Structure formats: structure tokens, C-alpha cells
Amino acid sequence: MEEVLKSIDNVVYAQKRDMLISAMGTICPKIEFSITILKEVLEPFLQDEEIALLIAKYAANESEFNLIPNEFSKNREFMFKAIESNFRIIEFVCGANDNEEYIRHMAKCGKSSWFIMASPRIKNNREFILDVLKTVNVGCVYNIYTKYNDDEEILLEMITYYKQSPYYELDISDRLCANPEFMTKMLVKNPCCITKVNCDLPSEILYTALQLYAKYGTLKRALISCKPCVILPLIKHDGMLLEHIIEPYRTPEIVGLAVLQNKEAIKFV
């Protein structure tokens, strides 16, 4: 009889557990809902890892996350799974944003906000940041540019993934923009850097970069953002680019050089 009762209890428990999981999937995503309302209902199931992961997935603050027993919340592998389902727990779980393993895992999961959510200590840890960029294909993290815009190694590591965007300005220090050797390396990795060049570079390198960069839009759009020190050698290389040069760069010198390089450019005067 005891075994029969135990078997019935197990069936009832399993049914309640399945119902709870289903209910959480339905009501927890609602903005106005708080998991703490389910505290009494959840208590018999808190030792269940799947239930604990659901709490982590839908937790919106520390008090909700704290419903999870320590045996899970202090467990490295559990926290990895929790971060995968809800990376925002990094913000409110005590010490999570200062845990390098958690921040690295967040980056590994493709969460671009891993840097901005990291603690000041981690943001200032250049070697850690560089290691993450080198070992995890995190793409371009625009927030890093502001802090490390004068760091050659970090910029070279990140620039491969940069894409021209109206929302994120490519930030490179004036010192590096004026460094021919460094900017040549940057252009080889990503032609978008042509808009930041502020030094003399061979026209062949600039022209190749311009053609590649134009694939993101148009030649006119590309040239609008270029500095005079870039436009001058480009015009000397291909006078027909005059068609895409606008004021204030369409100076008598530029026009003259364009026509000198290619007489056909006269039609754009």
C-alpha cells in the first residue's frame, strides 16, 4: 500500500510540475506579472533545476531571482544556462557583473551588451577585454571604442566586425587617425576606416578602400565623410570621382586636378 501511495504522489507531483511549467510559460512573459506572486506555488518545486531555470529566465529583479536555491544560483554551470536564457540577470544578481567567467560567457552567447554590463573593474581590465575579443567571436562592441579608442591592438581586433551605422560612430583617437602605418592596417581590415583617415596614404590603398566602402552605400555618401587629405589623392588617382564630390570640397584645386587626370571630368564641373 505504501508503494502504491508513493506512486500516486509521484504522478500527482509530475502532473503539478508539468502544469506549473506550462503556466509559467504563459503568464510569466507578461510585463505586469511578478514571479514572487507564485512563491508559495513554486516552493515544493524549487529543487527542480528546470523550474529554477524558468525562474531565472523570467526574473526581472534580484528578489525574483533569489527564489532560486543557492545550490543552483551558486553553481557555475547553472549560471551559464541562466545567462543564456536571460542575460539581464548580470545586472541584478549580486557580483555577477564582476565575474569574468559570466561576462565571457555572455559575450560567447553573442550578447553585444556584455561590455556595458560589466563592472568597472572588468571594463578597466585591458588584458581581459583583449582576450575576449581574440578568443570569442563577439563582433563589434561599439561601447569599447569610447574607452579604448587609443588602443591599437584592441581597435585592430575589433575593426573587422565594424559595420557603418547611423547609430554608432566609429571612434578612433586623433593620434591614431594621423598614424599612416596604423590606418593602413585598419583599412586592410575594414574599408569603413577611410572616413577616419587624417594622414597621407598611397592613392592606391585609398582608392581600393573607397571602392569597397561604397558597397555599403554610394560613392557620394562615402566621399562626404572623407577628409581633404583623402579626397586629394583620390582625385589625382581618378578624376571621374569629381562627379561625387560636393561642397565645400569641390575647390578650384580639386576641380583642376580632376580634369588634369581625366579630361572627361570636365562634364562634372
C-alpha atoms as a PDB file:
ATOM      1  CA  MET A   1       0.000   0.000   0.000  1.00  0.00           C
ATOM      2  CA  GLU A   2       2.839   2.339   0.858  1.00  0.00           C
ATOM      3  CA  GLU A   3       4.376   1.840  -2.569  1.00  0.00           C
ATOM      4  CA  VAL A   4       1.024   2.500  -4.238  1.00  0.00           C
ATOM      5  CA  LEU A   5       0.597   5.763  -2.314  1.00  0.00           C
ATOM      6  CA  LYS A   6       4.152   6.778  -3.179  1.00  0.00           C
ATOM      7  CA  SER A   7       3.486   6.043  -6.828  1.00  0.00           C
ATOM      8  CA  ILE A   8       0.331   8.161  -6.725  1.00  0.00           C
ATOM      9  CA  ASP A   9       2.240  11.006  -5.066  1.00  0.00           C
ATOM     10  CA  ASN A  10       4.850  10.861  -7.808  1.00  0.00           C
ATOM     11  CA  VAL A  11       2.194  11.002 -10.508  1.00  0.00           C
ATOM     12  CA  VAL A  12       0.454  13.936  -8.812  1.00  0.00           C
ATOM     13  CA  TYR A  13       3.785  15.721  -8.372  1.00  0.00           C
ATOM     14  CA  ALA A  14       4.667  15.189 -12.027  1.00  0.00           C
ATOM     15  CA  GLN A  15       1.268  16.466 -13.160  1.00  0.00           C
ATOM     16  CA  LYS A  16       1.506  19.569 -10.956  1.00  0.00           C
ATOM     17  CA  ARG A  17       5.067  20.159 -12.165  1.00  0.00           C
ATOM     18  CA  ASP A  18       4.033  19.965 -15.827  1.00  0.00           C
ATOM     19  CA  MET A  19       1.105  22.284 -15.188  1.00  0.00           C
ATOM     20  CA  LEU A  20       3.382  24.756 -13.403  1.00  0.00           C
ATOM     21  CA  ILE A  21       5.895  24.759 -16.250  1.00  0.00           C
ATOM     22  CA  SER A  22       3.109  25.333 -18.756  1.00  0.00           C
ATOM     23  CA  ALA A  23       1.558  28.090 -16.641  1.00  0.00           C
ATOM     24  CA  MET A  24       4.906  29.869 -16.194  1.00  0.00           C
ATOM     25  CA  GLY A  25       5.460  29.856 -19.936  1.00  0.00           C
ATOM     26  CA  THR A  26       2.084  31.528 -20.407  1.00  0.00           C
ATOM     27  CA  ILE A  27       1.869  34.125 -17.656  1.00  0.00           C
ATOM     28  CA  CYS A  28       5.484  34.970 -16.738  1.00  0.00           C
ATOM     29  CA  PRO A  29       6.325  36.794 -20.008  1.00  0.00           C
ATOM     30  CA  LYS A  30       3.595  39.344 -19.253  1.00  0.00           C
ATOM     31  CA  ILE A  31       5.159  42.674 -18.272  1.00  0.00           C
ATOM     32  CA  GLU A  32       2.880  43.291 -15.295  1.00  0.00           C
ATOM     33  CA  PHE A  33       3.488  39.837 -13.806  1.00  0.00           C
ATOM     34  CA  SER A  34       5.900  39.189 -10.918  1.00  0.00           C
ATOM     35  CA  ILE A  35       7.223  35.703 -10.221  1.00  0.00           C
ATOM     36  CA  THR A  36       7.114  36.389  -6.468  1.00  0.00           C
ATOM     37  CA  ILE A  37       3.318  36.023  -6.664  1.00  0.00           C
ATOM     38  CA  LEU A  38       3.922  32.334  -7.344  1.00  0.00           C
ATOM     39  CA  LYS A  39       6.264  31.892  -4.380  1.00  0.00           C
ATOM     40  CA  GLU A  40       4.009  29.525  -2.439  1.00  0.00           C
ATOM     41  CA  VAL A  41       3.183  27.525  -5.546  1.00  0.00           C
ATOM     42  CA  LEU A  42       6.834  27.283  -6.505  1.00  0.00           C
ATOM     43  CA  GLU A  43       8.234  26.241  -3.131  1.00  0.00           C
ATOM     44  CA  PRO A  44       7.596  22.469  -3.483  1.00  0.00           C
ATOM     45  CA  PHE A  45       9.415  22.526  -6.836  1.00  0.00           C
ATOM     46  CA  LEU A  46      12.401  24.773  -6.108  1.00  0.00           C
ATOM     47  CA  GLN A  47      14.813  21.828  -6.042  1.00  0.00           C
ATOM     48  CA  ASP A  48      13.890  21.092  -9.655  1.00  0.00           C
ATOM     49  CA  GLU A  49      16.541  22.543 -11.977  1.00  0.00           C
ATOM     50  CA  GLU A  50      14.112  23.058 -14.851  1.00  0.00           C
ATOM     51  CA  ILE A  51      11.829  25.113 -12.606  1.00  0.00           C
ATOM     52  CA  ALA A  52      14.832  27.059 -11.287  1.00  0.00           C
ATOM     53  CA  LEU A  53      15.924  27.849 -14.843  1.00  0.00           C
ATOM     54  CA  LEU A  54      12.443  29.103 -15.664  1.00  0.00           C
ATOM     55  CA  ILE A  55      12.593  31.425 -12.648  1.00  0.00           C
ATOM     56  CA  ALA A  56      15.965  32.696 -13.910  1.00  0.00           C
ATOM     57  CA  LYS A  57      14.556  33.125 -17.417  1.00  0.00           C
ATOM     58  CA  TYR A  58      11.673  35.304 -16.272  1.00  0.00           C
ATOM     59  CA  ALA A  59      13.292  37.035 -13.290  1.00  0.00           C
ATOM     60  CA  ALA A  60      13.147  40.821 -13.644  1.00  0.00           C
ATOM     61  CA  ASN A  61      14.931  41.751 -10.413  1.00  0.00           C
ATOM     62  CA  GLU A  62      17.046  40.382  -7.579  1.00  0.00           C
ATOM     63  CA  SER A  63      14.141  39.434  -5.308  1.00  0.00           C
ATOM     64  CA  GLU A  64      12.631  37.261  -8.038  1.00  0.00           C
ATOM     65  CA  PHE A  65      15.958  35.618  -8.831  1.00  0.00           C
ATOM     66  CA  ASN A  66      16.544  34.948  -5.126  1.00  0.00           C
ATOM     67  CA  LEU A  67      13.682  32.441  -5.175  1.00  0.00           C
ATOM     68  CA  ILE A  68      16.250  30.096  -6.695  1.00  0.00           C
ATOM     69  CA  PRO A  69      18.043  27.954  -4.050  1.00  0.00           C
ATOM     70  CA  ASN A  70      21.760  28.616  -3.502  1.00  0.00           C
ATOM     71  CA  GLU A  71      22.651  25.145  -4.726  1.00  0.00           C
ATOM     72  CA  PHE A  72      21.697  26.391  -8.189  1.00  0.00           C
ATOM     73  CA  SER A  73      22.465  30.116  -8.057  1.00  0.00           C
ATOM     74  CA  LYS A  74      25.995  29.410  -6.755  1.00  0.00           C
ATOM     75  CA  ASN A  75      26.579  26.736  -9.372  1.00  0.00           C
ATOM     76  CA  ARG A  76      28.748  27.797 -12.313  1.00  0.00           C
ATOM     77  CA  GLU A  77      27.090  25.582 -14.935  1.00  0.00           C
ATOM     78  CA  PHE A  78      23.597  26.569 -13.811  1.00  0.00           C
ATOM     79  CA  MET A  79      24.511  30.254 -14.036  1.00  0.00           C
ATOM     80  CA  PHE A  80      25.815  29.752 -17.564  1.00  0.00           C
ATOM     81  CA  LYS A  81      22.428  28.317 -18.569  1.00  0.00           C
ATOM     82  CA  ALA A  82      20.636  31.128 -16.734  1.00  0.00           C
ATOM     83  CA  ILE A  83      22.685  33.788 -18.545  1.00  0.00           C
ATOM     84  CA  GLU A  84      21.894  32.156 -21.876  1.00  0.00           C
ATOM     85  CA  SER A  85      18.155  32.446 -21.193  1.00  0.00           C
ATOM     86  CA  ASN A  86      18.202  35.865 -19.505  1.00  0.00           C
ATOM     87  CA  PHE A  87      21.420  37.866 -19.812  1.00  0.00           C
ATOM     88  CA  ARG A  88      19.922  40.724 -17.763  1.00  0.00           C
ATOM     89  CA  ILE A  89      20.459  38.769 -14.567  1.00  0.00           C
ATOM     90  CA  ILE A  90      24.049  40.041 -14.870  1.00  0.00           C
ATOM     91  CA  GLU A  91      22.660  43.435 -13.822  1.00  0.00           C
ATOM     92  CA  PHE A  92      20.910  42.418 -10.613  1.00  0.00           C
ATOM     93  CA  VAL A  93      22.479  39.216  -9.323  1.00  0.00           C
ATOM     94  CA  CYS A  94      24.969  40.236  -6.659  1.00  0.00           C
ATOM     95  CA  GLY A  95      28.532  40.086  -8.015  1.00  0.00           C
ATOM     96  CA  ALA A  96      27.558  38.639 -11.400  1.00  0.00           C
ATOM     97  CA  ASN A  97      28.767  41.658 -13.375  1.00  0.00           C
ATOM     98  CA  ASP A  98      32.173  41.357 -11.686  1.00  0.00           C
ATOM     99  CA  ASN A  99      32.553  37.678 -12.528  1.00  0.00           C
ATOM    100  CA  GLU A 100      34.848  37.330 -15.539  1.00  0.00           C
ATOM    101  CA  GLU A 101      33.552  33.849 -16.375  1.00  0.00           C
ATOM    102  CA  TYR A 102      29.971  35.104 -16.532  1.00  0.00           C
ATOM    103  CA  ILE A 103      30.889  38.145 -18.632  1.00  0.00           C
ATOM    104  CA  ARG A 104      32.915  35.986 -21.019  1.00  0.00           C
ATOM    105  CA  HIS A 105      30.020  33.532 -21.319  1.00  0.00           C
ATOM    106  CA  MET A 106      27.645  36.391 -22.040  1.00  0.00           C
ATOM    107  CA  ALA A 107      29.957  37.507 -24.858  1.00  0.00           C
ATOM    108  CA  LYS A 108      30.192  33.924 -26.114  1.00  0.00           C
ATOM    109  CA  CYS A 109      26.384  33.823 -26.327  1.00  0.00           C
ATOM    110  CA  GLY A 110      26.502  36.779 -28.696  1.00  0.00           C
ATOM    111  CA  LYS A 111      25.123  39.375 -26.282  1.00  0.00           C
ATOM    112  CA  SER A 112      26.639  42.638 -27.530  1.00  0.00           C
ATOM    113  CA  SER A 113      25.910  44.403 -24.221  1.00  0.00           C
ATOM    114  CA  TRP A 114      28.426  42.228 -22.346  1.00  0.00           C
ATOM    115  CA  PHE A 115      30.894  45.096 -22.110  1.00  0.00           C
ATOM    116  CA  ILE A 116      28.494  47.789 -20.970  1.00  0.00           C
ATOM    117  CA  MET A 117      27.042  45.458 -18.312  1.00  0.00           C
ATOM    118  CA  ALA A 118      30.455  44.513 -16.945  1.00  0.00           C
ATOM    119  CA  SER A 119      31.691  46.039 -13.698  1.00  0.00           C
ATOM    120  CA  PRO A 120      34.124  48.996 -13.794  1.00  0.00           C
ATOM    121  CA  ARG A 121      36.905  46.628 -12.700  1.00  0.00           C
ATOM    122  CA  ILE A 122      36.348  44.359 -15.696  1.00  0.00           C
ATOM    123  CA  LYS A 123      35.964  47.277 -18.126  1.00  0.00           C
ATOM    124  CA  ASN A 124      39.337  48.558 -16.938  1.00  0.00           C
ATOM    125  CA  ASN A 125      40.959  45.142 -17.303  1.00  0.00           C
ATOM    126  CA  ARG A 126      42.511  45.641 -20.724  1.00  0.00           C
ATOM    127  CA  GLU A 127      44.045  42.174 -20.921  1.00  0.00           C
ATOM    128  CA  PHE A 128      40.710  40.509 -20.179  1.00  0.00           C
ATOM    129  CA  ILE A 129      38.879  42.640 -22.761  1.00  0.00           C
ATOM    130  CA  LEU A 130      41.523  41.902 -25.381  1.00  0.00           C
ATOM    131  CA  ASP A 131      41.447  38.181 -24.596  1.00  0.00           C
ATOM    132  CA  VAL A 132      37.659  38.075 -25.009  1.00  0.00           C
ATOM    133  CA  LEU A 133      37.926  39.867 -28.354  1.00  0.00           C
ATOM    134  CA  LYS A 134      40.586  37.436 -29.541  1.00  0.00           C
ATOM    135  CA  THR A 135      39.026  34.191 -28.332  1.00  0.00           C
ATOM    136  CA  VAL A 136      35.304  34.858 -28.672  1.00  0.00           C
ATOM    137  CA  ASN A 137      33.791  35.979 -31.962  1.00  0.00           C
ATOM    138  CA  VAL A 138      31.813  38.766 -30.291  1.00  0.00           C
ATOM    139  CA  GLY A 139      31.608  41.091 -33.260  1.00  0.00           C
ATOM    140  CA  CYS A 140      31.918  44.819 -32.866  1.00  0.00           C
ATOM    141  CA  VAL A 141      31.120  46.219 -29.430  1.00  0.00           C
ATOM    142  CA  TYR A 142      30.643  49.921 -30.038  1.00  0.00           C
ATOM    143  CA  ASN A 143      30.923  50.891 -26.365  1.00  0.00           C
ATOM    144  CA  ILE A 144      34.520  49.660 -26.282  1.00  0.00           C
ATOM    145  CA  TYR A 145      35.600  52.243 -28.852  1.00  0.00           C
ATOM    146  CA  THR A 146      34.922  55.110 -26.478  1.00  0.00           C
ATOM    147  CA  LYS A 147      37.100  53.647 -23.724  1.00  0.00           C
ATOM    148  CA  TYR A 148      39.831  52.110 -25.866  1.00  0.00           C
ATOM    149  CA  ASN A 149      39.851  54.442 -28.881  1.00  0.00           C
ATOM    150  CA  ASP A 150      43.607  54.971 -28.493  1.00  0.00           C
ATOM    151  CA  ASP A 151      44.499  51.300 -28.082  1.00  0.00           C
ATOM    152  CA  GLU A 152      45.930  49.974 -31.349  1.00  0.00           C
ATOM    153  CA  GLU A 153      45.691  46.289 -30.504  1.00  0.00           C
ATOM    154  CA  ILE A 154      42.072  46.405 -29.341  1.00  0.00           C
ATOM    155  CA  LEU A 155      40.974  48.538 -32.299  1.00  0.00           C
ATOM    156  CA  LEU A 156      42.656  46.222 -34.797  1.00  0.00           C
ATOM    157  CA  GLU A 157      40.963  43.252 -33.158  1.00  0.00           C
ATOM    158  CA  MET A 158      37.524  44.838 -33.326  1.00  0.00           C
ATOM    159  CA  ILE A 159      37.550  46.692 -36.627  1.00  0.00           C
ATOM    160  CA  THR A 160      36.998  43.550 -38.689  1.00  0.00           C
ATOM    161  CA  TYR A 161      33.447  43.368 -37.364  1.00  0.00           C
ATOM    162  CA  TYR A 162      32.587  47.065 -37.636  1.00  0.00           C
ATOM    163  CA  LYS A 163      29.733  47.990 -39.968  1.00  0.00           C
ATOM    164  CA  GLN A 164      28.846  51.532 -40.914  1.00  0.00           C
ATOM    165  CA  SER A 165      25.829  52.607 -38.884  1.00  0.00           C
ATOM    166  CA  PRO A 166      23.964  55.890 -38.348  1.00  0.00           C
ATOM    167  CA  TYR A 167      23.663  54.958 -34.679  1.00  0.00           C
ATOM    168  CA  TYR A 168      27.273  54.107 -33.871  1.00  0.00           C
ATOM    169  CA  GLU A 169      30.134  56.402 -34.778  1.00  0.00           C
ATOM    170  CA  LEU A 170      33.481  54.759 -35.346  1.00  0.00           C
ATOM    171  CA  ASP A 171      35.677  56.231 -32.614  1.00  0.00           C
ATOM    172  CA  ILE A 172      39.427  56.334 -33.216  1.00  0.00           C
ATOM    173  CA  SER A 173      41.673  58.803 -31.419  1.00  0.00           C
ATOM    174  CA  ASP A 174      43.119  61.756 -33.347  1.00  0.00           C
ATOM    175  CA  ARG A 175      46.607  60.407 -32.676  1.00  0.00           C
ATOM    176  CA  LEU A 176      45.872  57.116 -34.408  1.00  0.00           C
ATOM    177  CA  CYS A 177      43.883  58.706 -37.256  1.00  0.00           C
ATOM    178  CA  ALA A 178      47.054  60.628 -38.099  1.00  0.00           C
ATOM    179  CA  ASN A 179      49.248  57.496 -37.972  1.00  0.00           C
ATOM    180  CA  PRO A 180      49.817  56.239 -41.571  1.00  0.00           C
ATOM    181  CA  GLU A 181      51.081  52.792 -40.579  1.00  0.00           C
ATOM    182  CA  PHE A 182      48.195  52.142 -38.209  1.00  0.00           C
ATOM    183  CA  MET A 183      45.488  53.472 -40.543  1.00  0.00           C
ATOM    184  CA  THR A 184      46.845  51.345 -43.390  1.00  0.00           C
ATOM    185  CA  LYS A 185      46.392  48.249 -41.199  1.00  0.00           C
ATOM    186  CA  MET A 186      42.876  49.380 -40.308  1.00  0.00           C
ATOM    187  CA  LEU A 187      41.930  49.927 -43.955  1.00  0.00           C
ATOM    188  CA  VAL A 188      43.149  46.461 -44.879  1.00  0.00           C
ATOM    189  CA  LYS A 189      40.850  45.011 -42.224  1.00  0.00           C
ATOM    190  CA  ASN A 190      37.851  47.245 -42.909  1.00  0.00           C
ATOM    191  CA  PRO A 191      37.377  49.926 -45.617  1.00  0.00           C
ATOM    192  CA  CYS A 192      34.934  51.862 -43.386  1.00  0.00           C
ATOM    193  CA  CYS A 193      38.012  53.330 -41.733  1.00  0.00           C
ATOM    194  CA  ILE A 194      38.589  55.545 -44.764  1.00  0.00           C
ATOM    195  CA  THR A 195      36.297  58.140 -43.172  1.00  0.00           C
ATOM    196  CA  LYS A 196      38.717  58.448 -40.238  1.00  0.00           C
ATOM    197  CA  VAL A 197      41.981  58.710 -42.166  1.00  0.00           C
ATOM    198  CA  ASN A 198      43.712  62.008 -41.414  1.00  0.00           C
ATOM    199  CA  CYS A 199      47.162  61.399 -42.872  1.00  0.00           C
ATOM    200  CA  ASP A 200      48.887  60.905 -46.205  1.00  0.00           C
ATOM    201  CA  LEU A 201      48.435  57.404 -47.623  1.00  0.00           C
ATOM    202  CA  PRO A 202      49.164  55.978 -51.107  1.00  0.00           C
ATOM    203  CA  SER A 203      46.295  56.692 -53.504  1.00  0.00           C
ATOM    204  CA  GLU A 204      46.109  53.014 -54.492  1.00  0.00           C
ATOM    205  CA  ILE A 205      45.317  51.994 -50.910  1.00  0.00           C
ATOM    206  CA  LEU A 206      42.727  54.749 -50.531  1.00  0.00           C
ATOM    207  CA  TYR A 207      41.083  54.008 -53.883  1.00  0.00           C
ATOM    208  CA  THR A 208      40.740  50.292 -53.128  1.00  0.00           C
ATOM    209  CA  ALA A 209      39.251  51.076 -49.733  1.00  0.00           C
ATOM    210  CA  LEU A 210      36.847  53.613 -51.282  1.00  0.00           C
ATOM    211  CA  GLN A 211      35.512  51.108 -53.797  1.00  0.00           C
ATOM    212  CA  LEU A 212      34.941  48.530 -51.069  1.00  0.00           C
ATOM    213  CA  TYR A 213      33.377  51.085 -48.742  1.00  0.00           C
ATOM    214  CA  ALA A 214      30.995  52.249 -51.479  1.00  0.00           C
ATOM    215  CA  LYS A 215      29.368  48.815 -51.361  1.00  0.00           C
ATOM    216  CA  TYR A 216      27.744  49.925 -48.107  1.00  0.00           C
ATOM    217  CA  GLY A 217      26.043  52.795 -49.953  1.00  0.00           C
ATOM    218  CA  THR A 218      27.229  55.127 -52.697  1.00  0.00           C
ATOM    219  CA  LEU A 219      30.484  56.818 -53.663  1.00  0.00           C
ATOM    220  CA  LYS A 220      28.946  60.196 -52.863  1.00  0.00           C
ATOM    221  CA  ARG A 221      27.986  59.054 -49.384  1.00  0.00           C
ATOM    222  CA  ALA A 222      31.463  57.646 -48.856  1.00  0.00           C
ATOM    223  CA  LEU A 223      33.241  60.787 -50.028  1.00  0.00           C
ATOM    224  CA  ILE A 224      31.044  63.093 -47.930  1.00  0.00           C
ATOM    225  CA  SER A 225      32.635  61.623 -44.825  1.00  0.00           C
ATOM    226  CA  CYS A 226      36.232  61.673 -46.063  1.00  0.00           C
ATOM    227  CA  LYS A 227      38.723  64.351 -45.097  1.00  0.00           C
ATOM    228  CA  PRO A 228      40.501  66.603 -47.642  1.00  0.00           C
ATOM    229  CA  CYS A 229      43.771  64.697 -47.188  1.00  0.00           C
ATOM    230  CA  VAL A 230      41.944  61.642 -48.564  1.00  0.00           C
ATOM    231  CA  ILE A 231      39.949  63.340 -51.322  1.00  0.00           C
ATOM    232  CA  LEU A 232      43.012  64.990 -52.889  1.00  0.00           C
ATOM    233  CA  PRO A 233      44.946  61.757 -53.673  1.00  0.00           C
ATOM    234  CA  LEU A 234      41.715  60.054 -54.753  1.00  0.00           C
ATOM    235  CA  ILE A 235      41.032  62.751 -57.321  1.00  0.00           C
ATOM    236  CA  LYS A 236      44.632  62.512 -58.547  1.00  0.00           C
ATOM    237  CA  HIS A 237      44.055  58.776 -58.960  1.00  0.00           C
ATOM    238  CA  ASP A 238      40.649  59.011 -60.663  1.00  0.00           C
ATOM    239  CA  GLY A 239      39.406  62.401 -61.889  1.00  0.00           C
ATOM    240  CA  MET A 240      35.937  60.988 -62.598  1.00  0.00           C
ATOM    241  CA  LEU A 241      35.302  60.918 -58.862  1.00  0.00           C
ATOM    242  CA  LEU A 242      34.610  64.634 -59.226  1.00  0.00           C
ATOM    243  CA  GLU A 243      31.010  63.626 -60.001  1.00  0.00           C
ATOM    244  CA  HIS A 244      30.587  62.619 -56.358  1.00  0.00           C
ATOM    245  CA  ILE A 245      32.466  65.494 -54.715  1.00  0.00           C
ATOM    246  CA  ILE A 246      30.246  68.096 -53.067  1.00  0.00           C
ATOM    247  CA  GLU A 247      30.855  71.464 -51.447  1.00  0.00           C
ATOM    248  CA  PRO A 248      32.940  72.529 -49.613  1.00  0.00           C
ATOM    249  CA  TYR A 249      35.441  70.021 -51.073  1.00  0.00           C
ATOM    250  CA  ARG A 250      34.780  70.992 -54.707  1.00  0.00           C
ATOM    251  CA  THR A 251      37.524  73.616 -54.693  1.00  0.00           C
ATOM    252  CA  PRO A 252      39.248  75.027 -57.806  1.00  0.00           C
ATOM    253  CA  GLU A 253      42.272  72.883 -56.943  1.00  0.00           C
ATOM    254  CA  ILE A 254      40.203  69.685 -56.776  1.00  0.00           C
ATOM    255  CA  VAL A 255      38.354  70.512 -59.996  1.00  0.00           C
ATOM    256  CA  GLY A 256      41.608  71.333 -61.785  1.00  0.00           C
ATOM    257  CA  LEU A 257      43.301  68.120 -60.652  1.00  0.00           C
ATOM    258  CA  ALA A 258      40.267  66.066 -61.684  1.00  0.00           C
ATOM    259  CA  VAL A 259      40.229  67.472 -65.211  1.00  0.00           C
ATOM    260  CA  LEU A 260      44.007  67.137 -65.436  1.00  0.00           C
ATOM    261  CA  GLN A 261      43.763  63.470 -64.539  1.00  0.00           C
ATOM    262  CA  ASN A 262      40.848  62.791 -66.888  1.00  0.00           C
ATOM    263  CA  LYS A 263      39.544  65.308 -69.425  1.00  0.00           C
ATOM    264  CA  GLU A 264      36.127  63.631 -69.284  1.00  0.00           C
ATOM    265  CA  ALA A 265      35.718  65.016 -65.761  1.00  0.00           C
ATOM    266  CA  ILE A 266      35.034  68.439 -67.293  1.00  0.00           C
ATOM    267  CA  LYS A 267      31.369  67.469 -67.654  1.00  0.00           C
ATOM    268  CA  PHE A 268      31.075  67.422 -63.840  1.00  0.00           C
ATOM    269  CA  VAL A 269      32.366  70.965 -63.425  1.00  0.00           C
END
